């Protein structure tokens, strides 16, 4: 859904950020300290870009935060895109993140929405997947990269990846291999975000006469779909 990097210039103690989605790329965002902060809920930083004539345009805010679960420091960001949509994201670090760098990731949680959907998936020679998912207001091609080293049975078997307009790789969702308890048929359980950030579920089903490794993407329904049986 969204990816990017927040980078700190240690010498000047300033930050810059870059953000990419399926809809847009913003290559350079200036992160400017809020010198007028007077309350705890006020942002610690403003996010700024330049207009075509070089004027400063404030497009969002950034707050310092600490995770209740891990105790790690991170940043919470709110940014408004060119279509006036507001994106809420976090900038986080782990033990492998380079010093002075934070990875921009979507906020976790949120409501899964039901939608009309179409799509196809095929299995590639390297056992990864490729296909498309479409609805009324989006139609995106993707690849799904297998995760053979997953550490937990509940972790996804594939990560769904797509490209931003500038070609930046974005993780859009996950796929799990599944088996119908009713019929014993294998299918794919899919969780993904649309280009606008809405969250959805779908299933990939095998149809009689389909080539090996081919699936049709259908809307998710509570419980197992009758089509799986």
Protein backbone atom coordinates (compact mmCIF):
# COMPACT_ATOMS: atom_id res chain seq x y z
CA UNK A 1 0.00 0.00 0.00
CA UNK A 2 2.71 2.48 0.99
CA UNK A 3 6.45 2.46 1.49
CA UNK A 4 9.23 4.96 1.97
CA UNK A 5 12.19 6.09 4.04
CA UNK A 6 12.76 8.71 6.71
CA UNK A 7 16.44 9.73 6.92
CA UNK A 8 18.18 11.82 9.56
CA UNK A 9 21.10 14.10 8.75
CA UNK A 10 23.16 13.69 11.92
CA UNK A 11 25.30 16.79 11.32
CA UNK A 12 22.33 19.14 11.03
CA UNK A 13 19.84 17.06 13.08
CA UNK A 14 17.28 17.42 10.28
CA UNK A 15 15.19 14.83 8.42
CA UNK A 16 14.05 14.16 4.87
CA UNK A 17 11.49 11.61 3.71
CA UNK A 18 10.39 9.87 0.53
CA UNK A 19 7.02 8.13 0.12
CA UNK A 20 5.61 5.89 -2.63
CA UNK A 21 2.18 4.33 -3.21
CA UNK A 22 0.48 2.78 -6.24
CA UNK A 23 -0.91 6.25 -7.01
CA UNK A 24 1.99 8.64 -6.41
CA UNK A 25 5.66 9.10 -5.52
CA UNK A 26 7.01 12.03 -3.48
CA UNK A 27 10.77 11.87 -3.82
CA UNK A 28 11.81 14.54 -1.32
CA UNK A 29 9.85 15.77 1.70
CA UNK A 30 11.45 18.24 4.10
CA UNK A 31 10.76 17.47 7.76
CA UNK A 32 10.84 20.79 9.63
CA UNK A 33 10.71 21.12 13.42
CA UNK A 34 7.54 22.75 14.73
CA UNK A 35 8.89 25.75 16.61
CA UNK A 36 5.41 26.74 17.81
CA UNK A 37 4.39 23.53 19.57
CA UNK A 38 2.49 24.47 22.74
CA UNK A 39 0.63 21.25 23.60
CA UNK A 40 1.52 17.57 23.79
CA UNK A 41 -0.83 16.64 20.94
CA UNK A 42 0.61 19.25 18.59
CA UNK A 43 2.97 17.81 15.94
CA UNK A 44 6.70 17.81 16.57
CA UNK A 45 7.45 18.38 12.87
CA UNK A 46 5.80 19.72 9.72
CA UNK A 47 6.15 17.92 6.37
CA UNK A 48 6.87 20.25 3.46
CA UNK A 49 7.39 20.10 -0.30
CA UNK A 50 7.80 22.76 -3.00
CA UNK A 51 5.16 24.02 -5.42
CA UNK A 52 6.08 24.31 -9.14
CA UNK A 53 7.24 27.89 -8.43
CA UNK A 54 9.36 26.85 -5.46
CA UNK A 55 7.04 28.00 -2.70
CA UNK A 56 6.78 25.98 0.51
CA UNK A 57 3.69 23.75 0.78
CA UNK A 58 2.87 22.02 4.05
CA UNK A 59 1.45 18.57 3.29
CA UNK A 60 1.44 16.90 6.68
CA UNK A 61 2.71 16.49 10.22
CA UNK A 62 4.91 14.12 12.22
CA UNK A 63 4.85 13.19 15.90
CA UNK A 64 7.44 11.47 18.09
CA UNK A 65 6.02 8.31 19.69
CA UNK A 66 6.99 5.24 21.71
CA UNK A 67 5.47 1.77 21.21
CA UNK A 68 3.53 0.51 24.23
CA UNK A 69 4.38 -3.06 23.23
CA UNK A 70 8.11 -2.93 22.42
CA UNK A 71 9.22 0.34 24.00
CA UNK A 72 10.85 1.35 20.71
CA UNK A 73 10.74 4.98 19.60
CA UNK A 74 9.08 5.67 16.25
CA UNK A 75 7.37 8.50 14.36
CA UNK A 76 3.68 8.83 13.50
CA UNK A 77 2.92 10.72 10.28
CA UNK A 78 -0.17 12.16 8.60
CA UNK A 79 0.19 13.27 4.99
CA UNK A 80 -2.29 14.67 2.42
CA UNK A 81 -1.80 13.65 -1.22
CA UNK A 82 -2.64 15.52 -4.44
CA UNK A 83 -6.20 14.09 -4.43
CA UNK A 84 -6.77 15.43 -0.90
CA UNK A 85 -6.65 11.96 0.67
CA UNK A 86 -5.07 11.75 4.12
CA UNK A 87 -2.67 8.85 4.79
CA UNK A 88 -1.74 7.78 8.33
CA UNK A 89 1.61 5.97 8.45
CA UNK A 90 4.47 5.17 10.82
CA UNK A 91 8.25 5.42 10.49
CA UNK A 92 9.83 2.52 12.37
CA UNK A 93 13.18 0.85 13.00
CA UNK A 94 14.35 -2.65 13.90
CA UNK A 95 17.74 -4.17 14.74
CA UNK A 96 18.65 -4.43 11.04
CA UNK A 97 17.71 -0.87 10.05
CA UNK A 98 20.73 1.33 9.21
CA UNK A 99 21.55 4.01 11.77
CA UNK A 100 19.69 7.27 11.14
CA UNK A 101 17.06 5.59 8.94
CA UNK A 102 13.41 4.66 9.54
CA UNK A 103 11.20 2.55 7.27
CA UNK A 104 7.81 4.04 6.43
CA UNK A 105 5.02 1.47 6.81
CA UNK A 106 1.20 1.52 6.93
CA UNK A 107 -0.52 1.77 10.29
CA UNK A 108 -1.73 -1.65 11.45
CA UNK A 109 -5.37 -2.49 12.04
CA UNK A 110 -8.35 -0.97 10.28
CA UNK A 111 -11.59 -2.35 8.89
CA UNK A 112 -11.74 -4.85 6.04
CA UNK A 113 -14.30 -3.80 3.42
CA UNK A 114 -16.27 -6.03 1.09
CA UNK A 115 -16.18 -5.12 -2.62
CA UNK A 116 -17.04 -6.47 -6.06
CA UNK A 117 -13.83 -7.98 -7.36
CA UNK A 118 -12.25 -9.83 -10.26
CA UNK A 119 -8.81 -11.25 -10.86
CA UNK A 120 -6.56 -14.08 -11.95
CA UNK A 121 -3.44 -15.71 -10.52
CA UNK A 122 -0.92 -17.96 -12.26
CA UNK A 123 2.00 -19.90 -10.81
CA UNK A 124 5.38 -19.02 -12.30
CA UNK A 125 8.26 -21.38 -13.02
CA UNK A 126 10.03 -20.30 -9.81
CA UNK A 127 6.87 -21.09 -7.76
CA UNK A 128 6.13 -17.41 -7.18
CA UNK A 129 2.74 -16.08 -8.30
CA UNK A 130 1.65 -13.31 -10.69
CA UNK A 131 -1.74 -11.88 -11.55
CA UNK A 132 -4.13 -8.97 -11.32
CA UNK A 133 -6.90 -7.75 -9.01
CA UNK A 134 -9.54 -5.28 -10.19
CA UNK A 135 -12.70 -3.54 -9.01
CA UNK A 136 -14.71 -0.42 -9.94
CA UNK A 137 -11.95 2.08 -9.17
CA UNK A 138 -8.69 0.12 -9.50
CA UNK A 139 -7.03 -2.56 -11.59
CA UNK A 140 -3.55 -3.56 -10.45
CA UNK A 141 -1.07 -6.16 -11.59
CA UNK A 142 1.10 -7.82 -8.95
CA UNK A 143 3.61 -10.53 -8.16
CA UNK A 144 3.46 -12.64 -4.99
CA UNK A 145 6.86 -13.71 -3.66
CA UNK A 146 7.04 -16.99 -1.76
CA UNK A 147 8.30 -16.91 1.85
CA UNK A 148 9.79 -20.41 2.32
CA UNK A 149 11.45 -19.49 5.63
CA UNK A 150 8.33 -18.33 7.50
CA UNK A 151 8.77 -18.90 11.23
CA UNK A 152 5.13 -19.39 12.21
CA UNK A 153 2.33 -21.41 10.56
CA UNK A 154 0.09 -18.33 10.77
CA UNK A 155 2.53 -16.20 8.79
CA UNK A 156 1.69 -15.72 5.08
CA UNK A 157 3.12 -18.00 2.42
CA UNK A 158 3.53 -15.10 -0.05
CA UNK A 159 3.92 -11.33 0.05
CA UNK A 160 2.00 -9.41 -2.64
CA UNK A 161 4.12 -6.74 -4.33
CA UNK A 162 3.30 -4.06 -6.93
CA UNK A 163 5.01 -0.96 -8.37
CA UNK A 164 4.49 2.76 -7.79
CA UNK A 165 4.34 5.12 -10.82
CA UNK A 166 8.12 5.62 -10.42
CA UNK A 167 8.75 1.87 -10.20
CA UNK A 168 9.24 1.60 -6.44
CA UNK A 169 8.36 -1.85 -5.07
CA UNK A 170 5.43 -1.76 -2.62
CA UNK A 171 4.06 -4.56 -0.45
CA UNK A 172 0.29 -4.62 -1.03
CA UNK A 173 -0.76 -7.67 0.97
CA UNK A 174 -0.33 -11.36 1.75
CA UNK A 175 -1.46 -14.77 0.55
CA UNK A 176 -1.90 -17.96 2.58
CA UNK A 177 -2.20 -21.48 1.20
CA UNK A 178 -5.39 -23.05 2.56
CA UNK A 179 -7.48 -26.22 2.32
CA UNK A 180 -11.27 -26.39 2.52
CA UNK A 181 -12.40 -28.30 5.61
CA UNK A 182 -15.55 -29.26 3.73
CA UNK A 183 -14.15 -30.60 0.46
CA UNK A 184 -10.41 -30.88 0.98
CA UNK A 185 -9.80 -28.63 -2.05
CA UNK A 186 -6.77 -26.36 -1.96
CA UNK A 187 -7.30 -22.60 -2.41
CA UNK A 188 -5.59 -19.29 -1.63
CA UNK A 189 -6.66 -16.86 1.09
CA UNK A 190 -5.78 -13.28 0.13
CA UNK A 191 -5.55 -10.07 2.19
CA UNK A 192 -4.64 -6.90 0.30
CA UNK A 193 -4.85 -3.12 0.24
CA UNK A 194 -6.18 -1.25 -2.78
CA UNK A 195 -4.16 1.63 -4.28
CA UNK A 196 -6.24 4.07 -2.17
CA UNK A 197 -5.44 2.21 1.05
CA UNK A 198 -8.73 0.39 1.70
CA UNK A 199 -8.31 -3.16 3.04
CA UNK A 200 -9.96 -6.21 1.49
CA UNK A 201 -10.11 -10.01 1.62
CA UNK A 202 -10.50 -12.41 -1.31
CA UNK A 203 -10.02 -16.06 -2.19
CA UNK A 204 -8.19 -17.66 -5.10
CA UNK A 205 -10.14 -20.69 -6.34
CA UNK A 206 -9.31 -23.49 -8.75
CA UNK A 207 -11.90 -24.03 -11.49
CA UNK A 208 -12.43 -27.24 -13.41
CA UNK A 209 -10.46 -27.10 -16.65
CA UNK A 210 -8.07 -24.36 -15.45
CA UNK A 211 -4.35 -24.87 -16.18
CA UNK A 212 -2.22 -26.19 -13.33
CA UNK A 213 -1.35 -23.43 -10.87
CA UNK A 214 -4.11 -21.08 -12.10
CA UNK A 215 -6.65 -19.48 -9.76
CA UNK A 216 -9.65 -17.20 -10.15
CA UNK A 217 -9.89 -14.39 -7.57
CA UNK A 218 -13.37 -14.05 -6.06
CA UNK A 219 -14.87 -11.94 -3.30
CA UNK A 220 -14.39 -13.24 0.23
CA UNK A 221 -17.45 -14.38 2.17
CA UNK A 222 -17.82 -15.22 5.84
CA UNK A 223 -16.89 -18.85 6.35
CA UNK A 224 -15.77 -20.91 3.40
CA UNK A 225 -17.25 -20.02 0.05
CA UNK A 226 -19.59 -22.53 -1.50
CA UNK A 227 -17.40 -22.36 -4.59
CA UNK A 228 -14.53 -23.83 -2.59
CA UNK A 229 -16.51 -26.94 -1.76
